[in-house]
C-alpha atoms as a PDB file:
ATOM      1  CA  MET A   1      51.873 -48.321 -16.646  1.00  0.00           C
ATOM      2  CA  TYR A   2      52.494 -48.771 -12.933  1.00  0.00           C
ATOM      3  CA  ARG A   3      53.584 -45.128 -12.604  1.00  0.00           C
ATOM      4  CA  LEU A   4      50.291 -43.893 -14.058  1.00  0.00           C
ATOM      5  CA  PHE A   5      48.157 -45.690 -11.451  1.00  0.00           C
ATOM      6  CA  PRO A   6      49.202 -43.510  -8.426  1.00  0.00           C
ATOM      7  CA  ILE A   7      48.453 -40.311 -10.368  1.00  0.00           C
ATOM      8  CA  GLN A   8      45.001 -41.556 -11.379  1.00  0.00           C
ATOM      9  CA  PHE A   9      44.317 -42.676  -7.806  1.00  0.00           C
ATOM     10  CA  LEU A  10      45.276 -39.258  -6.387  1.00  0.00           C
ATOM     11  CA  ALA A  11      43.116 -37.469  -8.971  1.00  0.00           C
ATOM     12  CA  LEU A  12      40.136 -39.696  -8.089  1.00  0.00           C
ATOM     13  CA  MET A  13      40.595 -39.014  -4.365  1.00  0.00           C
ATOM     14  CA  ALA A  14      40.736 -35.256  -5.011  1.00  0.00           C
ATOM     15  CA  VAL A  15      37.487 -35.377  -6.997  1.00  0.00           C
ATOM     16  CA  ILE A  16      35.775 -37.363  -4.228  1.00  0.00           C
ATOM     17  CA  ALA A  17      36.964 -34.898  -1.551  1.00  0.00           C
ATOM     18  CA  VAL A  18      35.729 -31.873  -3.507  1.00  0.00           C
ATOM     19  CA  TYR A  19      32.359 -33.473  -4.247  1.00  0.00           C
ATOM     20  CA  THR A  20      31.688 -34.494  -0.616  1.00  0.00           C
ATOM     21  CA  SER A  21      32.630 -31.049   0.730  1.00  0.00           C
ATOM     22  CA  TYR A  22      30.307 -29.392  -1.816  1.00  0.00           C
ATOM     23  CA  ALA A  23      27.454 -31.756  -0.924  1.00  0.00           C
ATOM     24  CA  TYR A  24      27.955 -31.110   2.799  1.00  0.00           C
ATOM     25  CA  ALA A  25      27.992 -27.317   2.353  1.00  0.00           C
ATOM     26  CA  SER A  26      24.773 -27.302   0.331  1.00  0.00           C
ATOM     27  CA  SER A  27      22.920 -29.428   2.898  1.00  0.00           C
ATOM     28  CA  GLU A  28      23.065 -26.795   5.657  1.00  0.00           C
ATOM     29  CA  ALA A  29      19.680 -26.095   7.265  1.00  0.00           C
ATOM     30  CA  PRO A  30      18.248 -22.660   6.412  1.00  0.00           C
ATOM     31  CA  SER A  31      17.848 -20.015   9.097  1.00  0.00           C
ATOM     32  CA  PRO A  32      14.354 -18.708   9.914  1.00  0.00           C
ATOM     33  CA  GLY A  33      15.103 -15.262   8.531  1.00  0.00           C
ATOM     34  CA  GLY A  34      14.411 -14.229   5.014  1.00  0.00           C
ATOM     35  CA  GLU A  35      12.590 -12.074   2.582  1.00  0.00           C
ATOM     36  CA  GLY A  36      10.810 -12.846  -0.656  1.00  0.00           C
ATOM     37  CA  VAL A  37       7.550 -13.404  -2.450  1.00  0.00           C
ATOM     38  CA  ASN A  38       7.421 -17.186  -2.224  1.00  0.00           C
ATOM     39  CA  THR A  39       6.662 -19.194   0.872  1.00  0.00           C
ATOM     40  CA  ILE A  40       9.612 -18.858   3.243  1.00  0.00           C
ATOM     41  CA  SER A  41      10.226 -20.197   6.684  1.00  0.00           C
ATOM     42  CA  GLY A  42      10.205 -17.387   9.174  1.00  0.00           C
ATOM     43  CA  TRP A  43       7.898 -15.312  11.347  1.00  0.00           C
ATOM     44  CA  ASN A  44       4.149 -14.821  11.234  1.00  0.00           C
ATOM     45  CA  THR A  45       2.982 -11.224  11.617  1.00  0.00           C
ATOM     46  CA  SER A  46      -0.224 -10.353  13.498  1.00  0.00           C
ATOM     47  CA  ASN A  47      -2.016  -7.457  15.233  1.00  0.00           C
ATOM     48  CA  ILE A  48      -0.944  -4.937  12.573  1.00  0.00           C
ATOM     49  CA  LYS A  49      -1.895  -1.339  13.462  1.00  0.00           C
ATOM     50  CA  TYR A  50      -1.275   1.850  11.487  1.00  0.00           C
ATOM     51  CA  SER A  51      -1.030   5.239  13.265  1.00  0.00           C
ATOM     52  CA  LEU A  52      -1.945   8.454  11.440  1.00  0.00           C
ATOM     53  CA  GLU A  53      -0.540  11.899  12.195  1.00  0.00           C
ATOM     54  CA  ALA A  54      -3.127  14.143  13.826  1.00  0.00           C
ATOM     55  CA  GLY A  55      -5.270  15.931  11.252  1.00  0.00           C
ATOM     56  CA  SER A  56      -3.691  14.384   8.153  1.00  0.00           C
ATOM     57  CA  SER A  57      -3.634  11.273   6.023  1.00  0.00           C
ATOM     58  CA  LYS A  58       0.073  10.756   6.613  1.00  0.00           C
ATOM     59  CA  THR A  59       1.108   7.599   8.426  1.00  0.00           C
ATOM     60  CA  SER A  60       3.376   8.125  11.410  1.00  0.00           C
ATOM     61  CA  ALA A  61       3.976   4.520  12.500  1.00  0.00           C
ATOM     62  CA  VAL A  62       3.191   0.849  12.032  1.00  0.00           C
ATOM     63  CA  GLU A  63       3.215  -1.670  14.852  1.00  0.00           C
ATOM     64  CA  PHE A  64       2.764  -5.428  14.873  1.00  0.00           C
ATOM     65  CA  ASP A  65       3.582  -8.669  16.667  1.00  0.00           C
ATOM     66  CA  LEU A  66       5.879 -11.453  15.487  1.00  0.00           C
ATOM     67  CA  ASP A  67       5.298 -15.026  16.619  1.00  0.00           C
ATOM     68  CA  ASP A  68       9.001 -15.567  17.549  1.00  0.00           C
ATOM     69  CA  PRO A  69      11.804 -13.321  18.834  1.00  0.00           C
ATOM     70  CA  ALA A  70      13.936 -11.414  16.312  1.00  0.00           C
ATOM     71  CA  ASN A  71      17.052  -9.278  16.617  1.00  0.00           C
ATOM     72  CA  VAL A  72      16.561  -6.809  13.762  1.00  0.00           C
ATOM     73  CA  VAL A  73      13.287  -5.895  12.020  1.00  0.00           C
ATOM     74  CA  LYS A  74      12.704  -3.473   9.123  1.00  0.00           C
ATOM     75  CA  ILE A  75       9.641  -2.746   7.016  1.00  0.00           C
ATOM     76  CA  SER A  76       8.784  -1.340   3.614  1.00  0.00           C
ATOM     77  CA  VAL A  77       5.318  -0.065   2.699  1.00  0.00           C
ATOM     78  CA  LYS A  78       5.756   0.836  -0.983  1.00  0.00           C
ATOM     79  CA  SER A  79       6.760  -1.756  -3.577  1.00  0.00           C
ATOM     80  CA  SER A  80       8.234   0.954  -5.820  1.00  0.00           C
ATOM     81  CA  SER A  81      10.559   2.175  -3.050  1.00  0.00           C
ATOM     82  CA  ALA A  82      13.815   0.589  -1.975  1.00  0.00           C
ATOM     83  CA  SER A  83      13.769   2.318   1.419  1.00  0.00           C
ATOM     84  CA  PHE A  84      13.137   0.383   4.601  1.00  0.00           C
ATOM     85  CA  PHE A  85      12.199   1.781   7.995  1.00  0.00           C
ATOM     86  CA  ASP A  86      13.834   0.560  11.203  1.00  0.00           C
ATOM     87  CA  CYS A  87      11.655  -0.986  13.893  1.00  0.00           C
ATOM     88  CA  VAL A  88      12.112  -1.033  17.660  1.00  0.00           C
ATOM     89  CA  ASN A  89      11.161  -3.922  19.908  1.00  0.00           C
ATOM     90  CA  THR A  90       8.898  -2.446  22.586  1.00  0.00           C
ATOM     91  CA  ILE A  91       8.035  -5.502  24.682  1.00  0.00           C
ATOM     92  CA  GLY A  92       8.104  -9.225  24.021  1.00  0.00           C
ATOM     93  CA  ASN A  93       7.682  -9.772  20.285  1.00  0.00           C
ATOM     94  CA  HIS A  94       5.900  -6.438  19.664  1.00  0.00           C
ATOM     95  CA  TRP A  95       7.595  -4.105  17.147  1.00  0.00           C
ATOM     96  CA  TYR A  96       7.061  -0.370  16.530  1.00  0.00           C
ATOM     97  CA  CYS A  97       8.226   1.225  13.254  1.00  0.00           C
ATOM     98  CA  VAL A  98       8.305   4.985  12.630  1.00  0.00           C
ATOM     99  CA  ILE A  99       7.401   5.810   9.026  1.00  0.00           C
ATOM    100  CA  GLY A 100       8.851   8.760   7.110  1.00  0.00           C
ATOM    101  CA  ARG A 101       6.674  11.881   6.865  1.00  0.00           C
ATOM    102  CA  GLU A 102       6.438  11.634   3.072  1.00  0.00           C
ATOM    103  CA  THR A 103       4.361   8.446   3.202  1.00  0.00           C
ATOM    104  CA  GLY A 104       0.622   8.905   2.996  1.00  0.00           C
ATOM    105  CA  ILE A 105      -1.783   6.056   3.690  1.00  0.00           C
ATOM    106  CA  SER A 106      -2.811   6.104   0.011  1.00  0.00           C
ATOM    107  CA  ASP A 107       0.823   5.351  -0.947  1.00  0.00           C
ATOM    108  CA  PHE A 108       0.789   1.990   0.842  1.00  0.00           C
ATOM    109  CA  ASP A 109       0.612  -0.992  -1.492  1.00  0.00           C
ATOM    110  CA  GLU A 110       2.370  -3.598   0.637  1.00  0.00           C
ATOM    111  CA  LEU A 111       3.722  -4.286   4.093  1.00  0.00           C
ATOM    112  CA  ARG A 112       7.031  -6.090   3.715  1.00  0.00           C
ATOM    113  CA  VAL A 113       8.596  -7.204   6.993  1.00  0.00           C
ATOM    114  CA  ILE A 114      12.213  -8.313   7.044  1.00  0.00           C
ATOM    115  CA  ALA A 115      13.452  -9.895  10.246  1.00  0.00           C
ATOM    116  CA  LYS A 116      16.550 -11.712  11.334  1.00  0.00           C
END
């Protein structure tokens, strides 16, 4: 009986160590970046402007402001498309995104901004 006690004690200590490390890892604070349809912590987008190609209904670019600095920003303008367009930071928190030539203004059904 006395030999069984140390084994049970070691097993209990191992369970406690695993549980506390799991609880600590899941309590990490989220970063401000993200993407999704629910409310997420992140950036607010404002001053959105669409640029059309001369003499057509094709969109050449989208530009907007973010309320905080970001390192990488990409956008999508069609929910049925998995393609994202890269954006360039022009000054401050202002971003400029060149849209592919195949995208007409009538094709837009969303403006999804992903930033990190």
